[in-house]
Amino acid sequence: MTTSHDLPIEVRGSARQPLGMSPAQFLRDYWQKRPLLIRQAFPDFVPPIQPDDLAGLALEETALSRLIIHDEGRDRWKVKTGPLTEKDFASTPDRNWTLLVQDVDKWDADVAALLEHFGFLPSWRLDDIMISYAEPGGGVGAHVDQYDVFLLQGIGQRHWAISTDPNAPKDFRPDVELKQLQHFEPTHEWMLEPGDMLYLPPGVPHDGIAFGGPCMTISVGMRAPSRAELTGDLADYIAERLPDELRYADADLAPAKAAGEIDRAALARVREALPFAAALDDTTLTDWFGSFITRYRNAQLPVPPEKELAEATFRKQLDGGASLLRHPWARMAWARGKRGATLFVNGHAYPTSAEWATKLCGERELVPGKSLPAAEASLLLALVNDGHLVIRKGRGR
């Protein structure tokens, strides 16, 4: 019988098995339990974005970016929060600096396509793709993340050090704006090449430093709302909907059966995270959690069109071959109900079928065609008028 001590911390992936094993085995043995280095998880990996394009994105007003420069001699750290300017980049030294840009998947379709490789996780569990570019020596210092993260090496080499010591100290340095650890003693160290991927569950101390030349790392981070966030949002929800007299992470995850579904197992985990939620029925708890998780940490929100689209016009465009694109900032999840299902989009709830909820959560582009039933047409029109779907006109006839 295999024990946790027998499990390897390093495996080799392949195009067929990026995790180096089946998703079910990974979830059983590693997810939220222990780190895993996967050599060549993506063989012959070609990054979906180049450093110059990443720097250009950091100049955008609404992009979330940071420029971090380390004065190695004095061990001082300078953090500049975006939007950045060309002058900021012109003044960077030859080494020891890092550019971080969050939510790159919302801006670049090729980057967003990487998320398809993580389809064994519920889509609402994925937060964003953050990309870091660093010159030699660049990094953010030893730190701890409170969420699962997959660190995929895109360009160059990065030296990673982690600690699997359960008693490792996790106090922060008081003199640095970044939440860096005061003390860090690694138990494992590796040099990652393009295509290698390091998985870290929450709470694992780690430090990544660019080595040798330019380095780009793609971080696929998970949504991990704290119990404080869950409690606060649920409290507001209850206060609005329940009488005053009513008061008030997923280590057992199995591969997702349907894109975006908030299943009964997920609901059970929410109850476990919020013991006082026992007084709530499944419908109330699902309605709150679906709304919460689809608007959690939204940097931007889709803007509805200036003029509401009429049903006849919408039908005409569909007849002409128009397709519907999911807005990059539209977050979706769904849950089964006594009759049909509820689709949650950016905190809004839409009644629909499980089939259509799965389709909308799993596909970024839909071509409904002419024979679309009335109920589905009404749903899609509502999503268009709320800004969650965008029409791409067909060529017509």
Protein backbone atom coordinates (compact mmCIF):
# COMPACT_ATOMS: atom_id res chain seq x y z
CA MET A 1 0.00 0.00 0.00
CA THR A 2 1.40 3.39 -1.03
CA THR A 3 1.77 5.92 1.80
CA SER A 4 2.25 9.66 1.60
CA HIS A 5 5.97 9.15 2.26
CA ASP A 6 6.24 6.97 -0.88
CA LEU A 7 4.73 9.56 -3.21
CA PRO A 8 7.30 11.27 -5.48
CA ILE A 9 7.69 15.02 -5.33
CA GLU A 10 9.01 15.08 -8.90
CA VAL A 11 7.48 13.37 -11.94
CA ARG A 12 7.70 13.70 -15.71
CA GLY A 13 4.76 14.92 -17.75
CA SER A 14 3.86 14.48 -21.39
CA ALA A 15 1.55 15.94 -24.00
CA ARG A 16 -0.91 13.20 -23.09
CA GLN A 17 -0.57 13.60 -19.31
CA PRO A 18 0.55 17.15 -18.40
CA LEU A 19 0.30 16.27 -14.71
CA GLY A 20 2.48 13.19 -15.10
CA MET A 21 -0.53 11.15 -13.95
CA SER A 22 -4.30 11.11 -14.31
CA PRO A 23 -6.26 14.10 -12.95
CA ALA A 24 -8.02 11.78 -10.49
CA GLN A 25 -4.68 10.57 -9.09
CA PHE A 26 -3.34 14.11 -8.86
CA LEU A 27 -6.43 15.31 -7.00
CA ARG A 28 -6.32 12.33 -4.67
CA ASP A 29 -2.64 12.44 -3.79
CA TYR A 30 -1.44 16.03 -4.29
CA TRP A 31 -4.23 18.61 -4.55
CA GLN A 32 -4.15 20.76 -1.39
CA LYS A 33 -1.88 18.15 0.21
CA ARG A 34 1.69 18.30 -1.10
CA PRO A 35 3.81 20.04 -3.76
CA LEU A 36 4.66 18.42 -7.08
CA LEU A 37 7.25 19.30 -9.73
CA ILE A 38 6.24 18.10 -13.19
CA ARG A 39 9.13 18.05 -15.62
CA GLN A 40 8.02 18.84 -19.17
CA ALA A 41 4.36 19.12 -18.30
CA PHE A 42 4.17 21.01 -21.61
CA PRO A 43 6.84 19.56 -23.95
CA ASP A 44 8.30 22.01 -26.48
CA PHE A 45 6.33 24.77 -24.78
CA VAL A 46 5.92 28.00 -26.73
CA PRO A 47 4.76 30.92 -24.54
CA PRO A 48 1.46 32.46 -25.71
CA ILE A 49 2.72 36.00 -25.06
CA GLN A 50 6.09 37.69 -25.46
CA PRO A 51 7.81 39.93 -22.86
CA ASP A 52 7.33 43.11 -24.95
CA ASP A 53 3.59 42.46 -25.15
CA LEU A 54 3.45 41.85 -21.41
CA ALA A 55 5.24 45.15 -20.78
CA GLY A 56 2.79 46.87 -23.12
CA LEU A 57 -0.12 45.46 -21.14
CA ALA A 58 1.41 46.83 -17.93
CA LEU A 59 1.05 50.33 -19.40
CA GLU A 60 -2.74 49.97 -19.66
CA GLU A 61 -4.75 52.05 -17.20
CA THR A 62 -6.93 49.18 -16.01
CA ALA A 63 -4.28 46.43 -15.97
CA LEU A 64 -3.10 45.15 -12.58
CA SER A 65 0.67 45.35 -12.67
CA ARG A 66 3.64 45.80 -10.34
CA LEU A 67 7.31 46.49 -10.95
CA ILE A 68 9.55 45.12 -8.18
CA ILE A 69 13.22 46.09 -7.92
CA HIS A 70 15.59 44.56 -5.38
CA ASP A 71 18.66 46.45 -4.17
CA GLU A 72 20.66 43.33 -3.38
CA GLY A 73 23.49 45.14 -1.62
CA ARG A 74 21.24 46.85 0.93
CA ASP A 75 18.46 44.24 0.74
CA ARG A 76 15.89 46.90 -0.01
CA TRP A 77 12.81 46.36 -2.15
CA LYS A 78 11.02 48.97 -4.26
CA VAL A 79 7.47 48.30 -5.45
CA LYS A 80 5.84 50.43 -8.16
CA THR A 81 2.14 49.73 -8.76
CA GLY A 82 0.72 50.20 -12.27
CA PRO A 83 -0.25 51.60 -14.58
CA LEU A 84 3.43 51.72 -15.43
CA THR A 85 5.14 54.03 -17.92
CA GLU A 86 7.88 53.57 -20.48
CA LYS A 87 10.06 55.69 -18.21
CA ASP A 88 9.64 53.08 -15.43
CA PHE A 89 11.07 50.38 -17.68
CA ALA A 90 13.84 52.64 -19.03
CA SER A 91 15.13 53.18 -15.49
CA THR A 92 15.32 49.48 -14.52
CA PRO A 93 18.75 48.03 -13.72
CA ASP A 94 20.41 45.18 -15.63
CA ARG A 95 19.29 42.60 -13.05
CA ASN A 96 17.25 41.97 -9.89
CA TRP A 97 13.89 43.25 -11.10
CA THR A 98 10.53 41.66 -11.85
CA LEU A 99 7.36 42.71 -13.67
CA LEU A 100 4.11 41.11 -12.47
CA VAL A 101 0.87 41.41 -14.46
CA GLN A 102 -2.34 39.81 -13.18
CA ASP A 103 -5.44 38.72 -15.12
CA VAL A 104 -3.49 38.37 -18.37
CA ASP A 105 -6.02 35.74 -19.49
CA LYS A 106 -8.70 38.47 -19.55
CA TRP A 107 -6.67 40.49 -22.05
CA ASP A 108 -5.16 37.83 -24.30
CA ALA A 109 -7.09 34.93 -25.85
CA ASP A 110 -3.97 32.82 -26.39
CA VAL A 111 -3.10 33.09 -22.71
CA ALA A 112 -6.72 32.28 -21.78
CA ALA A 113 -6.48 29.11 -23.89
CA LEU A 114 -4.00 27.71 -21.35
CA LEU A 115 -6.89 27.31 -18.92
CA GLU A 116 -8.25 24.51 -21.09
CA HIS A 117 -5.47 22.30 -19.72
CA PHE A 118 -6.96 22.72 -16.24
CA GLY A 119 -10.45 21.57 -17.16
CA PHE A 120 -10.27 18.83 -14.51
CA LEU A 121 -10.90 21.60 -11.96
CA PRO A 122 -14.25 23.38 -11.60
CA SER A 123 -14.00 26.47 -13.80
CA TRP A 124 -15.21 28.71 -10.97
CA ARG A 125 -12.24 27.54 -8.89
CA LEU A 126 -9.78 29.18 -11.34
CA ASP A 127 -8.91 32.78 -10.51
CA ASP A 128 -6.50 34.19 -13.06
CA ILE A 129 -3.27 33.78 -14.96
CA MET A 130 -0.56 36.06 -13.63
CA ILE A 131 2.63 36.36 -15.66
CA SER A 132 5.98 37.50 -14.33
CA TYR A 133 8.94 38.64 -16.38
CA ALA A 134 12.30 38.94 -14.63
CA GLU A 135 15.91 39.73 -15.41
CA PRO A 136 18.60 37.60 -13.70
CA GLY A 137 18.21 37.68 -9.92
CA GLY A 138 14.65 38.97 -10.17
CA GLY A 139 11.97 37.68 -7.82
CA VAL A 140 9.59 38.77 -5.08
CA GLY A 141 11.34 37.14 -2.14
CA ALA A 142 10.39 34.12 -0.04
CA HIS A 143 6.67 34.14 0.69
CA VAL A 144 3.57 32.02 1.27
CA ASP A 145 0.41 31.97 -0.88
CA GLN A 146 -2.93 31.08 0.64
CA TYR A 147 -4.20 29.47 -2.55
CA ASP A 148 -3.23 26.68 -4.94
CA VAL A 149 -0.97 27.73 -7.79
CA PHE A 150 0.57 26.09 -10.88
CA LEU A 151 3.87 27.76 -11.85
CA LEU A 152 4.65 27.08 -15.51
CA GLN A 153 8.05 28.10 -16.83
CA GLY A 154 7.64 29.98 -20.10
CA ILE A 155 11.01 31.52 -21.00
CA GLY A 156 14.48 31.01 -19.56
CA GLN A 157 15.26 29.40 -16.23
CA ARG A 158 14.00 30.01 -12.71
CA HIS A 159 15.47 28.57 -9.54
CA TRP A 160 12.71 27.49 -7.15
CA ALA A 161 13.20 26.68 -3.49
CA ILE A 162 10.36 25.44 -1.27
CA SER A 163 9.90 24.20 2.28
CA THR A 164 7.72 21.21 3.11
CA ASP A 165 8.48 21.57 6.83
CA PRO A 166 5.05 21.79 8.54
CA ASN A 167 6.66 23.77 11.37
CA ALA A 168 8.44 26.30 9.15
CA PRO A 169 8.13 29.85 10.58
CA LYS A 170 5.78 32.10 8.62
CA ASP A 171 6.31 35.51 10.21
CA PHE A 172 6.57 38.42 7.79
CA ARG A 173 9.35 40.98 7.51
CA PRO A 174 8.17 44.31 8.98
CA ASP A 175 10.43 46.44 6.74
CA VAL A 176 9.17 45.36 3.31
CA GLU A 177 5.97 46.31 1.50
CA LEU A 178 5.79 42.78 0.12
CA LYS A 179 4.68 40.01 2.48
CA GLN A 180 8.07 38.34 2.63
CA LEU A 181 9.05 35.72 5.17
CA GLN A 182 11.53 36.70 7.88
CA HIS A 183 13.09 33.23 7.85
CA PHE A 184 13.18 30.71 5.01
CA GLU A 185 15.02 27.39 5.03
CA PRO A 186 14.29 25.36 1.87
CA THR A 187 13.90 21.60 1.92
CA HIS A 188 13.83 21.21 -1.89
CA GLU A 189 15.44 23.18 -4.72
CA TRP A 190 15.11 22.89 -8.49
CA MET A 191 15.99 24.70 -11.69
CA LEU A 192 12.95 24.88 -13.98
CA GLU A 193 13.24 24.93 -17.77
CA PRO A 194 10.53 26.00 -20.28
CA GLY A 195 7.63 23.55 -20.09
CA ASP A 196 8.34 22.50 -16.49
CA MET A 197 5.55 23.18 -13.99
CA LEU A 198 5.56 23.38 -10.19
CA TYR A 199 2.31 22.85 -8.26
CA LEU A 200 2.09 24.32 -4.77
CA PRO A 201 -0.83 23.85 -2.39
CA PRO A 202 -1.71 26.69 0.01
CA GLY A 203 0.69 27.52 2.82
CA VAL A 204 3.94 26.23 1.29
CA PRO A 205 6.86 28.70 1.73
CA HIS A 206 8.63 29.25 -1.59
CA ASP A 207 11.04 31.53 -3.42
CA GLY A 208 11.63 31.81 -7.16
CA ILE A 209 14.63 33.63 -8.67
CA ALA A 210 15.37 34.21 -12.36
CA PHE A 211 18.62 32.57 -13.39
CA GLY A 212 21.07 33.23 -16.20
CA GLY A 213 18.98 35.44 -18.47
CA PRO A 214 15.48 36.75 -19.15
CA CYS A 215 12.82 34.64 -17.43
CA MET A 216 9.05 34.45 -17.76
CA THR A 217 6.82 32.39 -15.48
CA ILE A 218 3.10 31.79 -15.96
CA SER A 219 1.16 31.40 -12.72
CA VAL A 220 -2.28 29.79 -12.82
CA GLY A 221 -3.84 30.74 -9.48
CA MET A 222 -6.97 29.42 -7.83
CA ARG A 223 -9.80 31.31 -6.16
CA ALA A 224 -9.58 30.73 -2.44
CA PRO A 225 -11.90 33.08 -0.58
CA SER A 226 -11.03 33.31 3.10
CA ARG A 227 -13.58 32.31 5.67
CA ALA A 228 -13.74 35.98 6.63
CA GLU A 229 -14.77 36.90 3.04
CA LEU A 230 -17.31 34.08 2.89
CA THR A 231 -18.74 35.03 6.24
CA GLY A 232 -18.98 38.73 5.44
CA ASP A 233 -20.70 38.22 2.10
CA LEU A 234 -23.09 35.60 3.46
CA ALA A 235 -23.93 37.85 6.39
CA ASP A 236 -24.91 40.64 3.99
CA TYR A 237 -26.95 38.20 1.91
CA ILE A 238 -28.80 36.84 4.94
CA ALA A 239 -29.45 40.31 6.33
CA GLU A 240 -31.19 41.27 3.10
CA ARG A 241 -33.31 38.14 2.71
CA LEU A 242 -34.00 36.44 6.02
CA PRO A 243 -36.07 37.53 9.04
CA ASP A 244 -34.14 39.25 11.80
CA GLU A 245 -34.74 36.38 14.23
CA LEU A 246 -32.72 34.01 12.02
CA ARG A 247 -29.11 34.71 12.94
CA TYR A 248 -26.56 33.68 12.28
CA ALA A 249 -11.08 23.74 1.38
CA ASP A 250 -11.52 21.14 -1.24
CA ALA A 251 -8.91 18.39 -0.64
CA ASP A 252 -11.38 15.67 -1.71
CA LEU A 253 -12.01 17.22 -5.13
CA ALA A 254 -12.88 14.82 -7.97
CA PRO A 255 -12.54 15.71 -11.67
CA ALA A 256 -15.25 18.08 -12.86
CA LYS A 257 -18.10 16.28 -14.65
CA ALA A 258 -19.63 19.40 -16.19
CA ALA A 259 -18.01 22.77 -16.85
CA GLY A 260 -18.87 25.36 -14.22
CA GLU A 261 -21.14 23.20 -12.07
CA ILE A 262 -21.40 23.92 -8.35
CA ASP A 263 -22.23 20.36 -7.33
CA ARG A 264 -23.45 18.93 -4.03
CA ALA A 265 -19.93 18.13 -2.91
CA ALA A 266 -18.94 21.78 -3.37
CA LEU A 267 -22.00 22.88 -1.40
CA ALA A 268 -21.04 20.51 1.41
CA ARG A 269 -17.62 22.13 1.56
CA VAL A 270 -19.23 25.56 1.85
CA ARG A 271 -21.26 24.30 4.80
CA GLU A 272 -18.10 22.95 6.38
CA ALA A 273 -16.39 26.32 5.94
CA LEU A 274 -19.42 28.07 7.45
CA PRO A 275 -20.78 25.89 10.27
CA PHE A 276 -23.52 28.39 11.09
CA ALA A 277 -24.87 27.92 7.55
CA ALA A 278 -26.56 24.73 8.75
CA ALA A 279 -29.74 26.77 9.25
CA LEU A 280 -29.89 27.55 5.52
CA ASP A 281 -31.60 25.27 3.03
CA ASP A 282 -29.69 24.11 -0.06
CA THR A 283 -31.45 26.57 -2.37
CA THR A 284 -30.56 29.61 -0.30
CA LEU A 285 -26.96 28.52 0.21
CA THR A 286 -26.51 27.71 -3.48
CA ASP A 287 -28.02 31.02 -4.60
CA TRP A 288 -25.66 32.95 -2.35
CA PHE A 289 -22.53 30.96 -3.17
CA GLY A 290 -23.17 31.02 -6.93
CA SER A 291 -23.57 34.80 -6.82
CA PHE A 292 -20.53 35.24 -4.58
CA ILE A 293 -18.06 33.04 -6.42
CA THR A 294 -18.86 34.55 -9.84
CA ARG A 295 -18.22 38.11 -8.72
CA TYR A 296 -15.31 37.28 -6.38
CA ARG A 297 -12.25 39.53 -6.94
CA ASN A 298 -13.48 41.01 -10.20
CA ALA A 299 -11.03 43.69 -11.28
CA GLN A 300 -13.47 44.78 -14.00
CA LEU A 301 -17.12 44.18 -14.85
CA PRO A 302 -18.73 43.83 -18.28
CA VAL A 303 -20.54 46.99 -19.34
CA PRO A 304 -24.04 46.54 -20.84
CA PRO A 305 -24.53 47.96 -24.36
CA GLU A 306 -25.71 51.56 -24.52
CA LYS A 307 -28.90 50.51 -26.27
CA GLU A 308 -30.78 47.34 -25.34
CA LEU A 309 -31.05 44.88 -28.21
CA ALA A 310 -34.57 43.94 -29.30
CA GLU A 311 -35.50 40.28 -29.66
CA ALA A 312 -36.33 40.63 -33.37
CA THR A 313 -32.97 42.25 -34.11
CA PHE A 314 -31.20 39.58 -32.08
CA ARG A 315 -32.95 36.78 -33.99
CA LYS A 316 -32.07 38.43 -37.30
CA GLN A 317 -28.39 38.55 -36.37
CA LEU A 318 -28.42 34.90 -35.34
CA ASP A 319 -30.10 33.98 -38.61
CA GLY A 320 -27.25 35.81 -40.36
CA GLY A 321 -24.69 33.54 -38.72
CA ALA A 322 -23.68 35.73 -35.79
CA SER A 323 -21.75 34.09 -32.98
CA LEU A 324 -21.69 34.98 -29.29
CA LEU A 325 -18.41 35.55 -27.46
CA ARG A 326 -18.14 35.36 -23.69
CA HIS A 327 -16.93 38.71 -22.33
CA PRO A 328 -13.39 38.25 -20.90
CA TRP A 329 -14.57 39.53 -17.50
CA ALA A 330 -17.69 37.35 -17.39
CA ARG A 331 -17.31 34.70 -14.68
CA MET A 332 -19.77 31.85 -14.83
CA ALA A 333 -20.89 28.92 -12.68
CA TRP A 334 -24.12 26.97 -12.38
CA ALA A 335 -26.02 24.68 -10.06
CA ARG A 336 -28.81 22.15 -10.46
CA GLY A 337 -32.22 22.91 -8.97
CA LYS A 338 -35.46 21.06 -8.43
CA ARG A 339 -36.41 22.13 -11.94
CA GLY A 340 -33.62 22.82 -14.39
CA ALA A 341 -30.61 24.81 -13.31
CA THR A 342 -29.45 28.29 -12.39
CA LEU A 343 -26.64 30.00 -14.27
CA PHE A 344 -24.64 32.53 -12.25
CA VAL A 345 -22.76 35.27 -14.10
CA ASN A 346 -20.93 38.02 -12.24
CA GLY A 347 -23.33 37.79 -9.31
CA HIS A 348 -26.50 37.59 -11.45
CA ALA A 349 -28.73 34.49 -11.61
CA TYR A 350 -30.44 33.19 -14.76
CA PRO A 351 -32.80 30.18 -14.88
CA THR A 352 -31.88 27.71 -17.62
CA SER A 353 -31.22 24.02 -18.27
CA ALA A 354 -28.20 22.03 -17.09
CA GLU A 355 -27.28 21.45 -20.76
CA TRP A 356 -27.15 25.16 -21.59
CA ALA A 357 -25.48 26.09 -18.32
CA THR A 358 -22.71 23.59 -19.07
CA LYS A 359 -22.39 24.88 -22.64
CA LEU A 360 -22.12 28.51 -21.56
CA CYS A 361 -19.55 27.72 -18.87
CA GLY A 362 -17.48 25.46 -21.09
CA GLU A 363 -17.41 27.34 -24.39
CA ARG A 364 -16.05 30.82 -25.01
CA GLU A 365 -17.81 31.16 -28.38
CA LEU A 366 -21.28 29.94 -29.37
CA VAL A 367 -22.91 29.82 -32.78
CA PRO A 368 -26.61 29.34 -31.88
CA GLY A 369 -27.93 29.30 -35.47
CA LYS A 370 -31.53 29.72 -36.67
CA SER A 371 -33.33 26.93 -34.82
CA LEU A 372 -32.70 28.23 -31.32
CA PRO A 373 -35.66 27.49 -28.98
CA ALA A 374 -37.45 30.48 -27.45
CA ALA A 375 -36.28 29.85 -23.86
CA GLU A 376 -32.62 29.64 -24.87
CA ALA A 377 -32.94 32.67 -27.14
CA SER A 378 -34.40 34.65 -24.23
CA LEU A 379 -31.51 33.59 -21.99
CA LEU A 380 -28.84 34.52 -24.53
CA LEU A 381 -30.50 37.86 -25.25
CA ALA A 382 -30.56 38.66 -21.53
CA LEU A 383 -26.84 37.82 -21.29
CA VAL A 384 -26.11 40.06 -24.29
CA ASN A 385 -28.12 42.96 -22.87
CA ASP A 386 -26.38 42.57 -19.51
CA GLY A 387 -22.98 42.69 -21.23
CA HIS A 388 -21.90 39.12 -20.42
CA LEU A 389 -22.00 37.98 -24.07
CA VAL A 390 -20.81 39.99 -27.05
CA ILE A 391 -22.17 39.53 -30.58
CA ARG A 392 -19.77 38.85 -33.42
CA LYS A 393 -21.72 39.44 -36.59
CA GLY A 394 -21.77 36.79 -39.28
CA ARG A 395 -20.92 37.41 -42.91
CA GLY A 396 -24.59 37.41 -43.78
CA ARG A 397 -25.98 36.53 -47.17
